[in-house]
């Protein structure tokens, strides 16, 4: 753990110099596939039909390119950063709280968008997004994006969606007449501090929080105090999607921040589950497929990045995970996603989502902010009851 925290501290320390670093030269031309491709990905992001035969965007790719895909599932952004630091992988589907750390740590390389014909089809809101673009240099291709929703048990809430995140932050009696204590969960990644800050933006405006990823000492302390209070309510901190699903099914959990992936899986099985965007708003993630600086299979990696941007793959991934595609053409004509999928999953809410971003000491909303390495160590303390 000490080694891990030291790594996070070191990466954060160099993050402020990311914009000053000189980018290495990206690949000049595409060659023959190397026969293999290894990807670090979120659960549900790389499917080959093993869970549901309808959802398979790997088999055809392998047949067409000869690149055999292997996947390492990661449960948090910090785990992704650690795996990419160790090396041995070609690609990673990095969220915004990991992507710039990987750039600053020189763990990923710039990409040549000319080698990705479908680049021009990417949503203009994402093409130059700051979580993968540094001084005009692109460090990956957008994959999909979405929100951290409030998932809840419809029976516990008597069929009415909770209006506020207070059901997971403050002790109270739920509509089923029982306390929420021991029946709620929280995400165990340090970036969850931003969810507490987002809640405080509405409920304690006197703190003056303008951005949940840019907190001064007083704002940060208030967020930690809220999380310490929440610690008394949380039955388990989650990071494994499948374990969270089991907790909702079998362990009496009735409310938690979650991903649409879990919501969709349980609803498909007939579980009494639904999700909502509470009045305080939501955090979210816009994920980027990034190429390791020492990738052993760069040609296969480029082939995958092109494959991942096809409307078919974008629609299938979004249908499976409950995301929004990065290619607008995927919003129509996909049998699995349907023509209302983009609207349902929040295509028009892009500007309302507070996308994950690595906190740094130098921030735009105020003079100086608490950097990410503090979030890491302090949130470990919160979970440990300190």
Protein backbone atom coordinates (compact mmCIF):
# COMPACT_ATOMS: atom_id res chain seq x y z
CA UNK A 1 0.00 0.00 0.00
CA UNK A 2 2.84 2.40 0.81
CA UNK A 3 4.34 1.75 -2.60
CA UNK A 4 0.98 2.41 -4.24
CA UNK A 5 0.45 5.67 -2.40
CA UNK A 6 3.97 6.77 -3.24
CA UNK A 7 3.24 6.09 -6.89
CA UNK A 8 0.04 8.15 -6.77
CA UNK A 9 1.93 11.01 -5.10
CA UNK A 10 4.69 10.95 -7.67
CA UNK A 11 2.27 10.91 -10.59
CA UNK A 12 0.29 13.80 -9.15
CA UNK A 13 3.48 15.75 -8.57
CA UNK A 14 4.34 15.69 -12.25
CA UNK A 15 0.78 16.24 -13.45
CA UNK A 16 1.13 20.01 -13.44
CA UNK A 17 3.98 19.67 -15.92
CA UNK A 18 1.90 17.64 -18.39
CA UNK A 19 1.24 20.58 -20.63
CA UNK A 20 4.96 21.38 -20.77
CA UNK A 21 6.14 17.89 -21.67
CA UNK A 22 7.31 17.12 -25.17
CA UNK A 23 5.17 14.45 -26.81
CA UNK A 24 6.91 11.56 -28.46
CA UNK A 25 6.25 10.93 -32.12
CA UNK A 26 3.12 8.84 -32.80
CA UNK A 27 3.08 5.88 -35.17
CA UNK A 28 3.64 7.03 -38.78
CA UNK A 29 2.00 4.21 -40.72
CA UNK A 30 -0.05 1.14 -40.03
CA UNK A 31 1.58 -2.22 -40.54
CA UNK A 32 0.55 -5.83 -40.28
CA UNK A 33 -1.17 -6.97 -37.09
CA UNK A 34 1.06 -8.67 -34.54
CA UNK A 35 -1.49 -11.39 -33.73
CA UNK A 36 -2.34 -10.30 -30.18
CA UNK A 37 -3.80 -7.40 -28.22
CA UNK A 38 -4.09 -6.90 -24.46
CA UNK A 39 -6.55 -4.39 -23.01
CA UNK A 40 -7.09 -3.08 -19.47
CA UNK A 41 -10.79 -2.27 -19.30
CA UNK A 42 -13.76 -1.60 -17.08
CA UNK A 43 -16.09 -4.54 -16.49
CA UNK A 44 -18.46 -4.99 -19.42
CA UNK A 45 -16.43 -2.87 -21.83
CA UNK A 46 -14.92 -5.68 -23.91
CA UNK A 47 -17.48 -8.43 -24.53
CA UNK A 48 -17.17 -11.55 -26.70
CA UNK A 49 -20.64 -13.02 -26.14
CA UNK A 50 -19.75 -15.09 -23.08
CA UNK A 51 -22.32 -13.40 -20.86
CA UNK A 52 -24.91 -12.83 -23.59
CA UNK A 53 -24.28 -14.05 -27.14
CA UNK A 54 -25.99 -10.94 -28.54
CA UNK A 55 -23.21 -8.76 -27.17
CA UNK A 56 -19.98 -9.61 -28.93
CA UNK A 57 -17.72 -7.02 -30.53
CA UNK A 58 -14.52 -9.06 -30.17
CA UNK A 59 -15.01 -12.24 -32.22
CA UNK A 60 -15.47 -10.47 -35.57
CA UNK A 61 -12.49 -8.22 -34.88
CA UNK A 62 -10.28 -11.21 -34.18
CA UNK A 63 -11.44 -12.97 -37.33
CA UNK A 64 -10.84 -9.93 -39.53
CA UNK A 65 -7.47 -8.86 -38.10
CA UNK A 66 -5.91 -11.99 -36.63
CA UNK A 67 -5.36 -10.04 -33.39
CA UNK A 68 -6.32 -12.25 -30.44
CA UNK A 69 -7.79 -10.07 -27.70
CA UNK A 70 -7.10 -10.61 -23.98
CA UNK A 71 -8.70 -8.44 -21.30
CA UNK A 72 -7.68 -7.49 -17.77
CA UNK A 73 -10.66 -6.07 -15.88
CA UNK A 74 -9.90 -3.19 -13.52
CA UNK A 75 -12.32 -1.95 -10.89
CA UNK A 76 -10.99 1.57 -10.27
CA UNK A 77 -9.03 4.23 -12.11
CA UNK A 78 -6.19 3.87 -9.62
CA UNK A 79 -5.96 0.18 -10.46
CA UNK A 80 -5.78 1.06 -14.16
CA UNK A 81 -2.94 3.51 -13.53
CA UNK A 82 -1.10 0.91 -11.46
CA UNK A 83 -1.48 -1.75 -14.16
CA UNK A 84 -0.28 0.60 -16.88
CA UNK A 85 2.68 1.55 -14.72
CA UNK A 86 3.59 -2.12 -14.42
CA UNK A 87 3.39 -2.52 -18.19
CA UNK A 88 2.68 -5.50 -20.38
CA UNK A 89 -0.58 -4.10 -21.80
CA UNK A 90 -1.35 -2.43 -25.11
CA UNK A 91 -4.51 -0.41 -24.42
CA UNK A 92 -6.52 0.93 -21.50
CA UNK A 93 -10.06 2.36 -21.37
CA UNK A 94 -9.14 5.22 -19.05
CA UNK A 95 -11.57 7.60 -17.37
CA UNK A 96 -10.79 11.26 -16.90
CA UNK A 97 -9.38 10.77 -13.40
CA UNK A 98 -6.69 8.48 -14.85
CA UNK A 99 -6.01 9.68 -18.38
CA UNK A 100 -3.94 12.78 -17.63
CA UNK A 101 -2.01 10.92 -14.95
CA UNK A 102 -1.05 8.40 -17.61
CA UNK A 103 0.01 11.21 -19.95
CA UNK A 104 2.01 12.97 -17.24
CA UNK A 105 3.63 9.72 -16.18
CA UNK A 106 4.55 9.02 -19.82
CA UNK A 107 2.75 5.69 -19.70
CA UNK A 108 0.77 6.35 -22.90
CA UNK A 109 1.80 7.64 -26.30
CA UNK A 110 0.25 10.17 -28.67
CA UNK A 111 -1.90 8.74 -31.42
CA UNK A 112 -1.89 9.52 -35.12
CA UNK A 113 -5.51 10.27 -35.89
CA UNK A 114 -4.75 9.95 -39.61
CA UNK A 115 -4.39 6.20 -39.03
CA UNK A 116 -7.92 6.06 -37.58
CA UNK A 117 -10.33 6.78 -40.46
CA UNK A 118 -13.36 6.97 -38.16
CA UNK A 119 -11.84 9.78 -36.07
CA UNK A 120 -13.81 12.33 -38.08
CA UNK A 121 -17.08 10.68 -37.00
CA UNK A 122 -16.48 11.31 -33.29
CA UNK A 123 -18.81 13.68 -31.44
CA UNK A 124 -17.29 17.16 -31.69
CA UNK A 125 -17.77 17.60 -27.95
CA UNK A 126 -15.23 14.81 -27.41
CA UNK A 127 -12.70 15.19 -30.21
CA UNK A 128 -10.57 17.69 -28.30
CA UNK A 129 -11.70 16.89 -24.78
CA UNK A 130 -9.16 18.02 -22.13
CA UNK A 131 -8.93 14.58 -20.53
CA UNK A 132 -7.14 13.13 -23.57
CA UNK A 133 -5.82 16.19 -25.41
CA UNK A 134 -2.69 18.04 -24.21
CA UNK A 135 -1.55 21.13 -26.16
CA UNK A 136 -3.38 19.89 -29.22
CA UNK A 137 -1.89 16.41 -29.04
CA UNK A 138 -4.33 13.49 -28.78
CA UNK A 139 -3.53 10.63 -26.43
CA UNK A 140 -6.36 8.29 -27.32
CA UNK A 141 -9.70 7.77 -28.98
CA UNK A 142 -12.96 8.44 -27.12
CA UNK A 143 -14.82 5.22 -26.27
CA UNK A 144 -18.15 5.84 -24.51
CA UNK A 145 -19.39 8.11 -21.74
CA UNK A 146 -22.05 8.18 -19.06
CA UNK A 147 -23.17 9.10 -15.58
CA UNK A 148 -22.80 7.72 -12.07
CA UNK A 149 -26.48 7.17 -11.34
CA UNK A 150 -28.32 6.59 -8.07
CA UNK A 151 -29.43 2.96 -8.19
CA UNK A 152 -32.23 2.01 -5.83
CA UNK A 153 -34.55 -0.83 -4.88
CA UNK A 154 -38.04 0.11 -6.06
CA UNK A 155 -39.75 -1.84 -3.26
CA UNK A 156 -37.76 -0.05 -0.55
CA UNK A 157 -38.72 3.29 -2.10
CA UNK A 158 -42.33 2.27 -2.79
CA UNK A 159 -41.99 2.81 -6.52
CA UNK A 160 -41.01 6.48 -6.27
CA UNK A 161 -37.51 7.54 -7.29
CA UNK A 162 -35.51 9.26 -4.54
CA UNK A 163 -35.06 12.92 -5.35
CA UNK A 164 -31.78 13.49 -3.54
CA UNK A 165 -28.45 11.84 -2.82
CA UNK A 166 -29.27 12.38 0.85
CA UNK A 167 -30.54 8.78 0.95
CA UNK A 168 -26.91 7.63 0.89
CA UNK A 169 -25.32 10.52 2.79
CA UNK A 170 -27.65 11.14 5.73
CA UNK A 171 -29.30 8.71 8.14
CA UNK A 172 -33.04 8.58 7.58
CA UNK A 173 -36.09 6.36 7.45
CA UNK A 174 -36.82 5.19 3.92
CA UNK A 175 -40.33 4.85 2.45
CA UNK A 176 -40.45 1.18 3.50
CA UNK A 177 -40.31 2.31 7.13
CA UNK A 178 -36.77 1.09 7.77
CA UNK A 179 -33.57 3.03 8.35
CA UNK A 180 -31.05 3.37 5.55
CA UNK A 181 -28.24 2.50 7.97
CA UNK A 182 -26.36 -0.55 6.76
CA UNK A 183 -28.43 -0.63 3.55
CA UNK A 184 -26.49 1.82 1.38
CA UNK A 185 -23.15 1.70 -0.37
CA UNK A 186 -20.49 4.11 -1.62
CA UNK A 187 -17.81 3.75 -4.27
CA UNK A 188 -14.41 2.97 -2.82
CA UNK A 189 -12.35 5.03 -5.27
CA UNK A 190 -10.88 8.32 -3.98
CA UNK A 191 -12.61 10.17 -6.81
CA UNK A 192 -15.83 9.64 -4.81
CA UNK A 193 -14.80 12.67 -2.74
CA UNK A 194 -16.16 14.65 -5.70
CA UNK A 195 -19.62 13.12 -5.18
CA UNK A 196 -19.60 14.46 -1.63
CA UNK A 197 -18.47 17.86 -2.91
CA UNK A 198 -21.23 17.87 -5.54
CA UNK A 199 -23.79 17.18 -2.80
CA UNK A 200 -22.40 20.04 -0.71
CA UNK A 201 -22.57 22.46 -3.65
CA UNK A 202 -26.35 22.42 -3.27
CA UNK A 203 -26.78 21.81 0.44
CA UNK A 204 -24.00 24.07 1.77
CA UNK A 205 -23.65 26.85 -0.82
CA UNK A 206 -21.86 28.99 1.75
CA UNK A 207 -18.79 26.80 1.16
CA UNK A 208 -18.48 28.35 -2.29
CA UNK A 209 -17.65 25.15 -4.14
CA UNK A 210 -17.64 25.87 -7.88
CA UNK A 211 -16.14 22.61 -9.12
CA UNK A 212 -16.28 19.30 -7.21
CA UNK A 213 -12.73 18.48 -8.37
CA UNK A 214 -11.32 21.81 -7.20
CA UNK A 215 -11.55 22.07 -3.41
CA UNK A 216 -9.69 24.37 -1.04
CA UNK A 217 -8.85 23.18 2.46
CA UNK A 218 -12.17 24.21 4.05
CA UNK A 219 -14.24 22.74 1.23
CA UNK A 220 -12.21 19.55 1.27
CA UNK A 221 -12.61 19.21 5.05
CA UNK A 222 -16.38 19.59 4.70
CA UNK A 223 -16.45 16.84 2.05
CA UNK A 224 -14.41 14.53 4.28
CA UNK A 225 -16.69 15.24 7.24
CA UNK A 226 -19.71 14.29 5.12
CA UNK A 227 -17.98 11.08 4.05
CA UNK A 228 -17.06 10.22 7.64
CA UNK A 229 -20.71 10.56 8.57
CA UNK A 230 -21.65 8.38 5.63
CA UNK A 231 -19.20 5.76 6.90
CA UNK A 232 -21.66 5.04 9.71
CA UNK A 233 -24.34 4.16 7.14
CA UNK A 234 -22.38 2.18 4.58
CA UNK A 235 -22.60 -1.59 4.75
CA UNK A 236 -19.89 -2.10 2.17
CA UNK A 237 -17.80 0.08 -0.14
CA UNK A 238 -18.01 -1.27 -3.65
CA UNK A 239 -15.77 -1.31 -6.67
CA UNK A 240 -16.59 -4.69 -8.21
CA UNK A 241 -19.75 -4.37 -10.30
CA UNK A 242 -20.72 -8.02 -9.90
CA UNK A 243 -20.30 -7.94 -6.12
CA UNK A 244 -22.48 -4.85 -5.94
CA UNK A 245 -25.13 -6.67 -7.93
CA UNK A 246 -24.98 -9.56 -5.48
CA UNK A 247 -25.26 -7.15 -2.54
CA UNK A 248 -28.44 -5.65 -3.99
CA UNK A 249 -29.85 -9.10 -4.67
CA UNK A 250 -28.89 -10.93 -1.51
CA UNK A 251 -27.49 -8.59 1.16
CA UNK A 252 -30.29 -6.06 1.61
CA UNK A 253 -28.61 -3.09 -0.06
CA UNK A 254 -31.24 -0.68 -1.40
CA UNK A 255 -29.41 2.45 -2.57
CA UNK A 256 -26.00 3.40 -3.95
CA UNK A 257 -24.20 5.34 -6.58
CA UNK A 258 -23.67 2.94 -9.45
CA UNK A 259 -23.16 2.52 -13.18
CA UNK A 260 -25.95 1.87 -15.68
CA UNK A 261 -24.23 -1.49 -16.32
CA UNK A 262 -25.39 -2.91 -12.99
CA UNK A 263 -28.83 -1.35 -13.36
CA UNK A 264 -29.31 -2.87 -16.81
CA UNK A 265 -28.16 -6.34 -15.80
CA UNK A 266 -30.48 -6.52 -12.81
CA UNK A 267 -33.47 -5.05 -14.62
CA UNK A 268 -32.97 -7.60 -17.40
CA UNK A 269 -33.22 -10.33 -14.77
CA UNK A 270 -36.44 -8.87 -13.41
CA UNK A 271 -34.98 -7.40 -10.23
CA UNK A 272 -36.87 -4.60 -8.48
CA UNK A 273 -34.23 -2.06 -9.43
CA UNK A 274 -34.19 1.32 -11.14
CA UNK A 275 -31.98 4.41 -11.29
CA UNK A 276 -32.31 8.18 -11.28
CA UNK A 277 -30.43 11.49 -11.63
CA UNK A 278 -30.93 13.21 -8.23
CA UNK A 279 -31.54 16.94 -7.96
CA UNK A 280 -27.93 17.69 -6.98
CA UNK A 281 -26.69 16.37 -10.31
CA UNK A 282 -24.24 13.56 -11.01
CA UNK A 283 -20.60 12.88 -11.63
CA UNK A 284 -19.69 10.82 -14.65
CA UNK A 285 -16.98 9.44 -16.89
CA UNK A 286 -15.92 9.90 -20.47
CA UNK A 287 -13.51 7.10 -21.24
CA UNK A 288 -10.61 7.10 -23.67
CA UNK A 289 -8.87 4.15 -25.31
CA UNK A 290 -5.18 4.95 -24.76
CA UNK A 291 -2.07 3.26 -26.17
CA UNK A 292 0.74 2.19 -23.83
CA UNK A 293 4.07 3.84 -24.52
CA UNK A 294 5.74 0.41 -24.73
CA UNK A 295 2.95 -1.44 -26.53
CA UNK A 296 4.18 -4.66 -28.15
CA UNK A 297 1.22 -4.74 -30.54
CA UNK A 298 0.69 -1.17 -31.78
CA UNK A 299 -0.72 -2.21 -35.16
CA UNK A 300 -3.38 -4.39 -33.55
CA UNK A 301 -4.02 -1.54 -31.11
CA UNK A 302 -4.69 0.92 -33.93
CA UNK A 303 -6.93 -1.63 -35.63
CA UNK A 304 -8.90 -1.96 -32.39
CA UNK A 305 -9.24 1.80 -31.95
CA UNK A 306 -10.70 2.03 -35.44
CA UNK A 307 -12.96 -0.97 -34.78
CA UNK A 308 -14.15 0.55 -31.49
CA UNK A 309 -15.43 3.64 -33.29
CA UNK A 310 -17.71 1.81 -35.70
CA UNK A 311 -21.39 2.70 -35.14
CA UNK A 312 -22.18 -1.00 -34.58
CA UNK A 313 -19.62 -1.42 -31.78
CA UNK A 314 -20.46 1.96 -30.24
CA UNK A 315 -24.16 1.11 -30.16
CA UNK A 316 -23.61 -2.41 -28.83
CA UNK A 317 -21.29 -1.24 -26.04
CA UNK A 318 -23.72 1.51 -25.09
CA UNK A 319 -26.67 -0.90 -25.06
CA UNK A 320 -24.77 -3.33 -22.85
CA UNK A 321 -23.32 -0.85 -20.39
CA UNK A 322 -25.96 1.88 -20.47
CA UNK A 323 -23.60 4.49 -21.86
CA UNK A 324 -23.72 7.13 -24.57
CA UNK A 325 -21.69 6.46 -27.72
CA UNK A 326 -18.88 8.79 -28.76
CA UNK A 327 -20.00 8.42 -32.37
CA UNK A 328 -23.41 10.08 -32.91
CA UNK A 329 -24.17 7.79 -35.87
CA UNK A 330 -24.59 4.97 -33.33
CA UNK A 331 -27.69 6.69 -31.93
CA UNK A 332 -29.86 5.39 -34.75
CA UNK A 333 -30.29 2.04 -36.41
CA UNK A 334 -28.70 -0.22 -33.79
CA UNK A 335 -30.96 -3.18 -33.02
CA UNK A 336 -29.66 -3.60 -29.47
CA UNK A 337 -29.50 0.08 -28.53
CA UNK A 338 -32.67 1.23 -30.23
CA UNK A 339 -33.32 4.69 -31.61
CA UNK A 340 -34.10 6.12 -28.16
CA UNK A 341 -30.95 4.82 -26.46
CA UNK A 342 -28.97 8.03 -26.71
CA UNK A 343 -31.84 10.12 -25.35
CA UNK A 344 -32.50 7.64 -22.53
CA UNK A 345 -28.85 7.50 -21.47
CA UNK A 346 -28.35 11.25 -21.42
CA UNK A 347 -26.95 12.36 -24.78
CA UNK A 348 -28.44 15.81 -24.17
CA UNK A 349 -27.14 15.99 -20.59
CA UNK A 350 -23.46 16.16 -21.51
CA UNK A 351 -23.00 19.65 -20.10
CA UNK A 352 -24.79 18.73 -16.87
CA UNK A 353 -22.46 15.87 -15.91
CA UNK A 354 -19.39 16.61 -13.79
CA UNK A 355 -16.97 14.29 -15.56
CA UNK A 356 -14.21 12.63 -13.54
CA UNK A 357 -10.99 14.61 -13.54
CA UNK A 358 -7.78 14.28 -11.56
CA UNK A 359 -7.65 16.99 -8.86
CA UNK A 360 -4.48 19.11 -8.89
CA UNK A 361 -3.05 21.80 -6.62
CA UNK A 362 -3.21 24.38 -9.41
CA UNK A 363 -6.86 24.96 -10.26
CA UNK A 364 -8.94 27.46 -12.21
CA UNK A 365 -11.77 28.17 -9.78
CA UNK A 366 -9.56 29.39 -6.94
CA UNK A 367 -5.98 29.97 -5.92
CA UNK A 368 -4.91 26.56 -4.68
CA UNK A 369 -6.67 23.23 -4.30
CA UNK A 370 -6.11 19.94 -2.52
CA UNK A 371 -4.24 17.59 -4.90
CA UNK A 372 -5.21 14.02 -5.68
CA UNK A 373 -2.61 12.29 -3.51
CA UNK A 374 -4.39 13.78 -0.49
CA UNK A 375 -7.71 12.42 -1.79
CA UNK A 376 -6.12 8.96 -2.01
CA UNK A 377 -4.65 8.82 1.49
CA UNK A 378 -7.56 10.56 3.22
CA UNK A 379 -10.26 8.46 1.57
CA UNK A 380 -8.45 5.30 2.63
CA UNK A 381 -8.64 6.75 6.14
CA UNK A 382 -12.38 7.43 5.80
CA UNK A 383 -13.08 3.87 4.71
CA UNK A 384 -10.95 2.63 7.60
CA UNK A 385 -13.01 4.66 10.06
CA UNK A 386 -10.50 7.49 10.60
